[in-house]
N, C-alpha and C. Protein backbone atom coordinates (compact mmCIF):
# COMPACT_ATOMS: atom_id res chain seq x y z
N MET A 1 -25.59 12.38 99.12
CA MET A 1 -24.29 12.10 99.36
C MET A 1 -23.88 13.23 100.49
N ILE A 2 -24.36 14.35 100.40
CA ILE A 2 -23.91 15.38 101.30
C ILE A 2 -24.35 15.14 102.74
N LEU A 3 -25.46 14.59 102.82
CA LEU A 3 -25.99 14.27 104.07
C LEU A 3 -25.41 13.05 104.71
N ILE A 4 -25.06 12.02 104.00
CA ILE A 4 -24.31 10.80 104.19
C ILE A 4 -22.95 11.16 104.92
N GLN A 5 -22.37 11.91 104.17
CA GLN A 5 -21.09 12.04 104.46
C GLN A 5 -20.86 13.16 105.84
N ALA A 6 -22.03 13.92 105.76
CA ALA A 6 -21.83 14.80 106.89
C ALA A 6 -22.17 14.14 108.30
N HIS A 7 -22.97 13.03 108.23
CA HIS A 7 -23.46 12.16 109.16
C HIS A 7 -22.24 11.25 109.48
N ALA A 8 -21.43 10.80 108.60
CA ALA A 8 -20.14 9.97 108.96
C ALA A 8 -18.97 10.76 109.46
N GLU A 9 -18.89 11.87 108.96
CA GLU A 9 -17.55 12.69 109.23
C GLU A 9 -17.82 13.44 110.69
N SER A 10 -18.84 13.83 110.92
CA SER A 10 -18.95 14.68 112.13
C SER A 10 -20.41 14.74 112.91
N HIS A 11 -21.32 13.78 112.50
CA HIS A 11 -22.55 13.85 112.87
C HIS A 11 -23.33 15.16 112.73
N PHE A 12 -23.28 15.71 111.54
CA PHE A 12 -23.71 17.05 111.21
C PHE A 12 -23.06 17.87 112.13
N CYS A 13 -21.62 18.12 112.17
CA CYS A 13 -20.87 19.04 113.07
C CYS A 13 -21.21 19.07 114.46
N THR A 14 -21.70 17.79 115.10
CA THR A 14 -21.81 18.00 116.46
C THR A 14 -20.76 17.17 117.23
N ASN A 15 -19.89 16.37 116.46
CA ASN A 15 -19.02 15.64 116.96
C ASN A 15 -17.44 16.08 116.40
N GLY A 16 -16.39 15.96 117.46
CA GLY A 16 -14.89 16.13 117.03
C GLY A 16 -14.54 17.46 116.66
N ARG A 17 -13.64 17.42 115.77
CA ARG A 17 -13.13 18.80 115.39
C ARG A 17 -14.24 19.84 114.57
N ALA A 18 -14.94 19.16 114.10
CA ALA A 18 -16.05 19.72 113.21
C ALA A 18 -16.84 20.72 114.18
N VAL A 19 -17.05 20.56 115.58
CA VAL A 19 -17.89 21.64 116.35
C VAL A 19 -16.95 22.96 116.38
N GLN A 20 -15.77 22.89 116.36
CA GLN A 20 -14.91 24.09 116.42
C GLN A 20 -14.79 24.68 114.99
N THR A 21 -14.37 23.87 114.24
CA THR A 21 -14.13 24.40 112.74
C THR A 21 -15.16 24.68 112.01
N LYS A 22 -16.20 24.21 112.04
CA LYS A 22 -17.56 24.43 111.27
C LYS A 22 -17.36 24.02 110.09
N ASN A 23 -16.46 23.00 109.79
CA ASN A 23 -16.15 22.14 108.62
C ASN A 23 -16.44 20.82 108.86
N CYS A 24 -18.16 20.51 108.68
CA CYS A 24 -18.45 19.23 108.91
C CYS A 24 -18.02 17.97 108.05
N TRP A 25 -17.28 18.39 107.09
CA TRP A 25 -16.90 17.08 106.32
C TRP A 25 -15.30 17.13 106.47
N ASN A 26 -14.87 17.86 107.35
CA ASN A 26 -13.27 17.82 107.51
C ASN A 26 -12.50 18.05 106.31
N ILE A 27 -12.93 18.79 105.40
CA ILE A 27 -12.04 18.89 104.17
C ILE A 27 -10.87 19.75 104.57
N GLY A 28 -9.61 19.06 104.19
CA GLY A 28 -8.58 19.62 104.35
C GLY A 28 -7.93 19.43 105.83
N ASN A 29 -8.57 18.80 106.63
CA ASN A 29 -8.06 18.53 108.02
C ASN A 29 -7.62 17.17 108.40
N VAL A 30 -6.82 16.84 109.29
CA VAL A 30 -6.21 15.75 109.58
C VAL A 30 -7.20 14.53 109.46
N ASP A 31 -6.74 13.46 109.06
CA ASP A 31 -7.34 12.11 109.03
C ASP A 31 -6.85 11.08 109.91
N ALA A 32 -7.22 9.73 109.62
CA ALA A 32 -6.72 8.78 110.34
C ALA A 32 -7.17 8.81 111.75
N GLY A 33 -8.57 9.26 112.02
CA GLY A 33 -9.03 8.93 113.47
C GLY A 33 -8.91 10.15 114.34
N ASP A 34 -8.04 11.18 114.02
CA ASP A 34 -7.75 12.31 114.86
C ASP A 34 -8.93 13.21 114.80
N THR A 35 -9.66 13.14 115.60
CA THR A 35 -10.91 13.91 115.90
C THR A 35 -10.96 15.02 116.78
N LYS A 36 -10.06 14.93 117.66
CA LYS A 36 -9.91 15.92 118.76
C LYS A 36 -9.10 17.17 118.60
N ALA A 37 -7.85 17.09 118.11
CA ALA A 37 -6.88 18.09 118.02
C ALA A 37 -7.36 19.27 117.20
N THR A 38 -7.47 20.25 117.57
CA THR A 38 -7.93 21.31 116.60
C THR A 38 -7.12 22.55 116.83
N ASP A 39 -6.53 23.16 115.89
CA ASP A 39 -5.97 24.35 116.02
C ASP A 39 -6.26 25.14 115.00
N CYS A 40 -6.95 26.09 115.16
CA CYS A 40 -7.53 27.14 114.19
C CYS A 40 -6.34 28.39 113.99
N GLN A 41 -5.66 28.69 114.90
CA GLN A 41 -4.45 29.49 114.84
C GLN A 41 -3.23 29.42 114.09
N ASP A 42 -2.78 28.07 114.41
CA ASP A 42 -1.61 27.58 113.52
C ASP A 42 -1.72 27.22 112.23
N GLY A 43 -2.77 27.02 111.81
CA GLY A 43 -3.29 26.65 110.16
C GLY A 43 -3.29 25.08 110.10
N THR A 44 -3.18 24.21 111.25
CA THR A 44 -3.48 22.85 111.20
C THR A 44 -4.66 22.35 110.86
N SER A 45 -5.58 23.18 110.96
CA SER A 45 -6.84 22.77 110.87
C SER A 45 -7.67 24.02 109.77
N ILE A 46 -8.58 23.57 108.74
CA ILE A 46 -9.38 24.72 108.26
C ILE A 46 -10.62 24.99 108.92
N CYS A 47 -10.54 26.05 109.63
CA CYS A 47 -11.69 26.53 110.47
C CYS A 47 -12.46 27.82 109.63
N LEU A 48 -13.62 27.51 109.85
CA LEU A 48 -14.43 28.52 108.90
C LEU A 48 -15.36 29.20 109.95
N ASN A 49 -15.91 30.43 109.33
CA ASN A 49 -16.79 31.42 110.01
C ASN A 49 -17.99 30.80 110.36
N ASP A 50 -18.66 29.93 109.31
CA ASP A 50 -19.92 29.40 109.71
C ASP A 50 -20.28 28.09 108.79
N TYR A 51 -21.30 27.71 109.13
CA TYR A 51 -21.49 26.26 108.36
C TYR A 51 -21.80 26.51 106.99
N GLN A 52 -22.34 27.63 106.58
CA GLN A 52 -22.60 27.69 104.89
C GLN A 52 -21.34 27.72 104.40
N ASN A 53 -20.22 28.36 104.84
CA ASN A 53 -18.95 28.02 104.14
C ASN A 53 -18.35 26.66 103.96
N GLY A 54 -18.73 25.86 105.27
CA GLY A 54 -18.19 24.62 105.19
C GLY A 54 -19.00 23.77 104.02
N LEU A 55 -20.41 24.00 103.85
CA LEU A 55 -21.01 23.29 102.73
C LEU A 55 -20.37 23.93 101.55
N ALA A 56 -20.20 25.18 101.19
CA ALA A 56 -19.64 25.61 99.94
C ALA A 56 -18.10 24.76 99.85
N LEU A 57 -17.35 24.85 100.79
CA LEU A 57 -16.13 24.22 100.58
C LEU A 57 -16.31 22.77 100.32
N TYR A 58 -16.94 21.97 100.97
CA TYR A 58 -17.47 20.66 100.40
C TYR A 58 -17.75 20.43 99.25
N ILE A 59 -18.75 21.32 98.46
CA ILE A 59 -19.23 21.38 97.29
C ILE A 59 -18.08 21.46 96.15
N HIS A 60 -17.30 22.51 96.58
CA HIS A 60 -16.18 22.97 95.68
C HIS A 60 -15.10 21.81 95.70
N TYR A 61 -14.83 21.11 96.83
CA TYR A 61 -13.93 20.08 96.77
C TYR A 61 -14.40 19.03 96.04
N MET A 62 -15.67 18.54 96.36
CA MET A 62 -16.10 17.30 95.49
C MET A 62 -16.10 17.56 93.95
N THR A 63 -16.63 18.69 93.74
CA THR A 63 -16.80 18.93 92.11
C THR A 63 -15.60 19.18 91.59
N SER A 64 -14.60 19.70 92.11
CA SER A 64 -13.16 20.02 91.78
C SER A 64 -12.37 18.75 91.96
N CYS A 65 -12.36 17.86 92.71
CA CYS A 65 -11.39 16.91 92.95
C CYS A 65 -11.81 15.30 92.49
N HIS A 66 -13.14 15.25 92.99
CA HIS A 66 -13.61 13.60 92.79
C HIS A 66 -14.82 13.56 91.74
N PHE A 67 -15.15 14.34 91.05
CA PHE A 67 -16.11 14.36 89.66
C PHE A 67 -15.59 15.15 88.78
N HIS A 68 -15.88 14.80 87.47
CA HIS A 68 -15.31 15.62 86.35
C HIS A 68 -16.53 16.86 86.07
N GLU A 69 -15.94 17.92 85.54
CA GLU A 69 -16.71 18.86 85.31
C GLU A 69 -18.11 18.29 84.50
N ARG A 70 -19.03 19.12 85.06
CA ARG A 70 -20.33 18.79 84.69
C ARG A 70 -20.89 17.37 84.73
N GLU A 71 -20.21 16.53 85.63
CA GLU A 71 -20.57 15.24 85.92
C GLU A 71 -21.63 15.27 86.97
N THR A 72 -22.63 14.14 86.79
CA THR A 72 -23.52 13.97 87.95
C THR A 72 -22.73 13.56 88.96
N ILE A 73 -23.08 13.93 90.24
CA ILE A 73 -22.40 13.47 91.33
C ILE A 73 -23.23 12.39 92.00
N SER A 74 -22.83 11.08 92.38
CA SER A 74 -23.55 10.08 92.91
C SER A 74 -22.54 9.42 93.92
N VAL A 75 -23.34 8.78 94.91
CA VAL A 75 -22.75 7.97 95.95
C VAL A 75 -22.02 6.69 95.14
N GLN A 76 -22.74 6.26 94.38
CA GLN A 76 -22.11 4.95 93.59
C GLN A 76 -20.88 5.31 92.91
N LYS A 77 -20.79 6.51 92.20
CA LYS A 77 -19.69 6.86 91.44
C LYS A 77 -18.28 6.99 92.40
N PHE A 78 -18.58 7.60 93.40
CA PHE A 78 -17.89 7.89 94.57
C PHE A 78 -17.28 6.63 95.05
N PHE A 79 -18.17 5.56 95.38
CA PHE A 79 -17.68 4.34 95.87
C PHE A 79 -16.92 3.58 94.77
N ASP A 80 -17.38 3.61 93.41
CA ASP A 80 -16.81 2.74 92.38
C ASP A 80 -15.16 3.46 92.06
N ARG A 81 -15.00 4.59 92.52
CA ARG A 81 -13.85 5.31 92.41
C ARG A 81 -12.88 5.19 93.79
N ASN A 82 -13.40 4.41 94.50
CA ASN A 82 -12.80 4.21 95.85
C ASN A 82 -12.42 5.43 96.64
N PHE A 83 -13.14 6.42 96.56
CA PHE A 83 -13.06 7.74 97.03
C PHE A 83 -12.00 8.58 96.62
N SER A 84 -11.34 8.17 95.71
CA SER A 84 -9.95 8.82 95.12
C SER A 84 -10.23 10.01 94.40
N ILE A 85 -9.22 10.87 94.44
CA ILE A 85 -9.07 12.20 93.50
C ILE A 85 -8.95 11.66 92.30
N ILE A 86 -9.65 12.46 91.28
CA ILE A 86 -9.55 11.99 89.75
C ILE A 86 -9.05 13.08 89.17
N ARG A 87 -9.20 14.24 89.55
CA ARG A 87 -8.58 15.63 88.87
C ARG A 87 -8.16 16.69 89.96
N ARG A 88 -7.36 17.30 89.22
CA ARG A 88 -6.99 18.60 90.13
C ARG A 88 -7.70 19.72 89.75
N GLY A 89 -8.95 20.11 89.83
CA GLY A 89 -9.60 21.26 89.40
C GLY A 89 -9.48 22.39 90.53
N SER A 90 -8.79 22.31 91.63
CA SER A 90 -8.56 23.40 92.60
C SER A 90 -7.42 22.87 93.44
N LYS A 91 -6.71 23.94 93.89
CA LYS A 91 -5.23 23.69 94.70
C LYS A 91 -5.57 22.68 96.02
N ILE A 92 -6.92 22.80 96.34
CA ILE A 92 -7.28 22.07 97.63
C ILE A 92 -7.21 20.45 97.48
N CYS A 93 -7.27 20.13 96.08
CA CYS A 93 -7.37 18.63 95.72
C CYS A 93 -6.42 17.61 96.38
N GLY A 94 -5.23 17.95 96.38
CA GLY A 94 -4.20 17.00 96.80
C GLY A 94 -3.75 16.07 95.34
N GLN A 95 -2.97 15.09 95.80
CA GLN A 95 -2.71 14.20 94.65
C GLN A 95 -3.80 13.36 94.01
N ILE A 96 -3.72 13.18 92.61
CA ILE A 96 -4.54 12.26 91.98
C ILE A 96 -4.25 10.85 92.71
N GLY A 97 -5.55 10.22 92.73
CA GLY A 97 -5.39 8.76 93.45
C GLY A 97 -5.67 8.94 94.90
N ALA A 98 -5.18 9.98 95.62
CA ALA A 98 -5.40 10.01 97.04
C ALA A 98 -6.90 9.87 97.31
N ARG A 99 -7.18 9.26 98.52
CA ARG A 99 -8.43 8.98 98.93
C ARG A 99 -8.82 10.18 99.77
N TYR A 100 -10.28 10.08 99.91
CA TYR A 100 -10.96 11.13 100.59
C TYR A 100 -10.71 10.91 101.99
N ALA A 101 -10.87 9.66 102.50
CA ALA A 101 -10.70 9.08 103.90
C ALA A 101 -9.72 7.99 103.71
N THR A 102 -8.76 7.80 104.69
CA THR A 102 -7.97 6.69 104.64
C THR A 102 -8.57 5.51 105.63
N ASP A 103 -9.55 5.75 106.19
CA ASP A 103 -10.36 4.47 106.82
C ASP A 103 -10.67 3.49 105.94
N VAL A 104 -10.08 2.26 105.99
CA VAL A 104 -10.28 1.10 105.13
C VAL A 104 -11.75 0.62 105.05
N LYS A 105 -12.45 1.01 106.19
CA LYS A 105 -13.86 0.61 106.28
C LYS A 105 -14.88 1.86 105.85
N TYR A 106 -14.48 2.84 105.18
CA TYR A 106 -15.31 4.09 104.91
C TYR A 106 -16.23 3.78 104.17
N ARG A 107 -16.23 2.78 102.98
CA ARG A 107 -17.40 2.42 102.44
C ARG A 107 -18.45 1.66 103.20
N GLU A 108 -18.08 0.78 103.99
CA GLU A 108 -18.94 0.27 104.81
C GLU A 108 -19.74 1.17 105.63
N LYS A 109 -19.02 2.27 106.09
CA LYS A 109 -19.53 3.23 106.96
C LYS A 109 -20.49 4.04 106.33
N LEU A 110 -20.31 4.37 105.12
CA LEU A 110 -21.12 5.12 104.36
C LEU A 110 -22.36 4.12 103.97
N SER A 111 -22.14 3.04 103.49
CA SER A 111 -23.25 2.24 103.09
C SER A 111 -24.23 1.80 104.35
N SER A 112 -23.63 1.70 105.28
CA SER A 112 -24.54 1.55 106.50
C SER A 112 -25.41 2.82 106.85
N ILE A 113 -24.91 3.94 106.65
CA ILE A 113 -25.54 5.09 106.96
C ILE A 113 -26.77 5.21 105.77
N LEU A 114 -26.25 5.13 104.78
CA LEU A 114 -27.42 5.10 103.57
C LEU A 114 -28.27 4.13 103.84
N HIS A 115 -28.07 3.07 104.11
CA HIS A 115 -29.23 1.92 104.22
C HIS A 115 -29.93 2.06 105.36
N ASP A 116 -29.32 2.33 106.59
CA ASP A 116 -30.11 2.66 107.75
C ASP A 116 -31.05 3.87 107.85
N ASN A 117 -30.52 4.87 107.38
CA ASN A 117 -30.94 6.20 107.34
C ASN A 117 -31.79 6.81 106.22
N PHE A 118 -31.45 6.53 105.07
CA PHE A 118 -31.84 6.96 104.02
C PHE A 118 -32.84 6.15 102.92
N ASN A 119 -32.68 4.94 102.98
CA ASN A 119 -33.25 4.00 102.02
C ASN A 119 -34.85 4.16 102.26
N PRO A 120 -35.13 4.31 103.63
CA PRO A 120 -36.69 4.44 103.66
C PRO A 120 -37.38 5.63 103.03
N ILE A 121 -36.52 6.88 102.98
CA ILE A 121 -36.96 8.17 102.44
C ILE A 121 -37.47 7.74 100.92
N PHE A 122 -36.33 6.94 100.27
CA PHE A 122 -36.50 6.75 98.75
C PHE A 122 -37.31 5.62 98.48
N THR A 123 -37.82 4.53 99.41
CA THR A 123 -38.53 3.50 99.16
C THR A 123 -39.85 3.64 99.34
N ASN A 124 -40.35 4.65 100.09
CA ASN A 124 -41.72 4.63 100.57
C ASN A 124 -42.47 5.87 99.72
């Protein structure tokens, strides 16, 4: 799931605001297609010192907001929950029911990446 979303959100930190923020999953950053406007000085973007911190933020966010404590994380559960926040285990979570991404085609985007890029790994 980490790889699928890193691909979808910023093509592994090589596209959009993630290049400057080192926040490959854009956790806490503007949604709705705004991929260019980045301001690390005024607090409108979560900008990190390195990619390791970006990965740690993503894992913290997903385990605190989208999955129950000690629950196995899976793409299917994320799909089944419509990418919605199900608990507030951290101040970064936002409102219960809010979606990870507002893109109405986010499921199709992730499904396509999963099918086109990762299924051969698991089926061979």
